[in-house]
């Protein structure tokens, strides 16, 4: 079994056995295993949990993140204002 799954199972105290019908046949040119993703791929496909300070708007903060990481698309979701 893939070592990444074993690490997750151990961390979560999961003790049931896995029934693996066959090992996956894949090619690295189509993506990355979760624990082997380069930082560039993580940044480009990430969700950033940000505690936005009072003052700047959500749109401004999204724009700053877009510029800091040189990204094409950035958005925000949820409630970002503290009452």
Protein backbone atom coordinates (compact mmCIF):
# COMPACT_ATOMS: atom_id res chain seq x y z
CA UNK A 1 0.00 0.00 0.00
CA UNK A 2 1.10 3.55 -0.62
CA UNK A 3 3.08 4.91 2.35
CA UNK A 4 1.14 8.20 2.35
CA UNK A 5 -2.08 6.35 3.24
CA UNK A 6 -0.32 4.46 5.98
CA UNK A 7 0.88 7.75 7.50
CA UNK A 8 -2.65 9.17 7.43
CA UNK A 9 -4.09 6.00 8.96
CA UNK A 10 -1.51 6.10 11.75
CA UNK A 11 -2.12 9.80 12.43
CA UNK A 12 -5.92 9.28 12.59
CA UNK A 13 -5.67 6.03 14.59
CA UNK A 14 -7.46 4.20 11.77
CA UNK A 15 -6.97 0.47 12.23
CA UNK A 16 -9.25 -1.19 9.66
CA UNK A 17 -7.56 -2.95 6.77
CA UNK A 18 -7.68 -1.73 3.20
CA UNK A 19 -8.93 -3.99 0.40
CA UNK A 20 -6.78 -3.08 -2.57
CA UNK A 21 -7.94 -4.72 -5.76
CA UNK A 22 -4.88 -3.61 -7.74
CA UNK A 23 -2.17 -1.02 -7.47
CA UNK A 24 -2.75 2.14 -9.47
CA UNK A 25 -0.85 2.50 -12.69
CA UNK A 26 -0.13 6.14 -13.31
CA UNK A 27 2.46 8.41 -14.82
CA UNK A 28 4.03 11.36 -12.99
CA UNK A 29 3.55 13.55 -16.07
CA UNK A 30 -0.21 13.66 -15.25
CA UNK A 31 0.13 15.06 -11.75
CA UNK A 32 1.67 14.54 -8.33
CA UNK A 33 1.08 12.31 -5.36
CA UNK A 34 -0.32 14.44 -2.51
CA UNK A 35 2.84 14.30 -0.38
CA UNK A 36 5.15 14.95 -3.35
CA UNK A 37 3.56 18.10 -4.77
CA UNK A 38 6.03 20.93 -5.35
CA UNK A 39 5.38 24.20 -3.56
CA UNK A 40 4.41 25.87 -6.87
CA UNK A 41 1.58 23.36 -7.39
CA UNK A 42 0.41 23.77 -3.80
CA UNK A 43 0.26 27.56 -4.12
CA UNK A 44 -1.53 27.48 -7.48
CA UNK A 45 -4.20 25.04 -6.24
CA UNK A 46 -4.54 26.17 -2.64
CA UNK A 47 -7.09 27.50 -0.24
CA UNK A 48 -5.63 30.09 2.08
CA UNK A 49 -7.27 30.43 5.48
CA UNK A 50 -6.77 34.12 6.18
CA UNK A 51 -7.78 36.10 9.24
CA UNK A 52 -8.45 39.42 7.49
CA UNK A 53 -7.86 42.47 9.66
CA UNK A 54 -10.39 45.27 9.89
CA UNK A 55 -9.92 47.92 7.24
CA UNK A 56 -9.18 46.44 3.81
CA UNK A 57 -12.06 44.91 1.88
CA UNK A 58 -12.18 41.23 0.99
CA UNK A 59 -11.64 42.16 -2.66
CA UNK A 60 -8.52 44.16 -1.76
CA UNK A 61 -7.03 41.26 0.19
CA UNK A 62 -7.77 38.83 -2.66
CA UNK A 63 -6.06 41.28 -5.07
CA UNK A 64 -2.99 41.48 -2.81
CA UNK A 65 -2.73 37.67 -2.67
CA UNK A 66 -3.09 37.53 -6.46
CA UNK A 67 -0.23 40.00 -6.91
CA UNK A 68 2.04 38.49 -4.21
CA UNK A 69 1.92 35.03 -5.79
CA UNK A 70 1.61 36.18 -9.43
CA UNK A 71 -1.63 34.22 -9.96
CA UNK A 72 -4.20 34.54 -12.74
CA UNK A 73 -7.26 33.88 -10.59
CA UNK A 74 -7.95 34.50 -6.92
CA UNK A 75 -11.28 34.70 -5.18
CA UNK A 76 -12.75 34.75 -1.72
CA UNK A 77 -15.65 32.99 -0.12
CA UNK A 78 -17.47 32.95 3.15
CA UNK A 79 -17.83 35.69 5.69
CA UNK A 80 -14.65 37.68 6.05
CA UNK A 81 -15.98 40.53 8.16
CA UNK A 82 -15.84 40.40 11.94
CA UNK A 83 -18.83 41.93 13.74
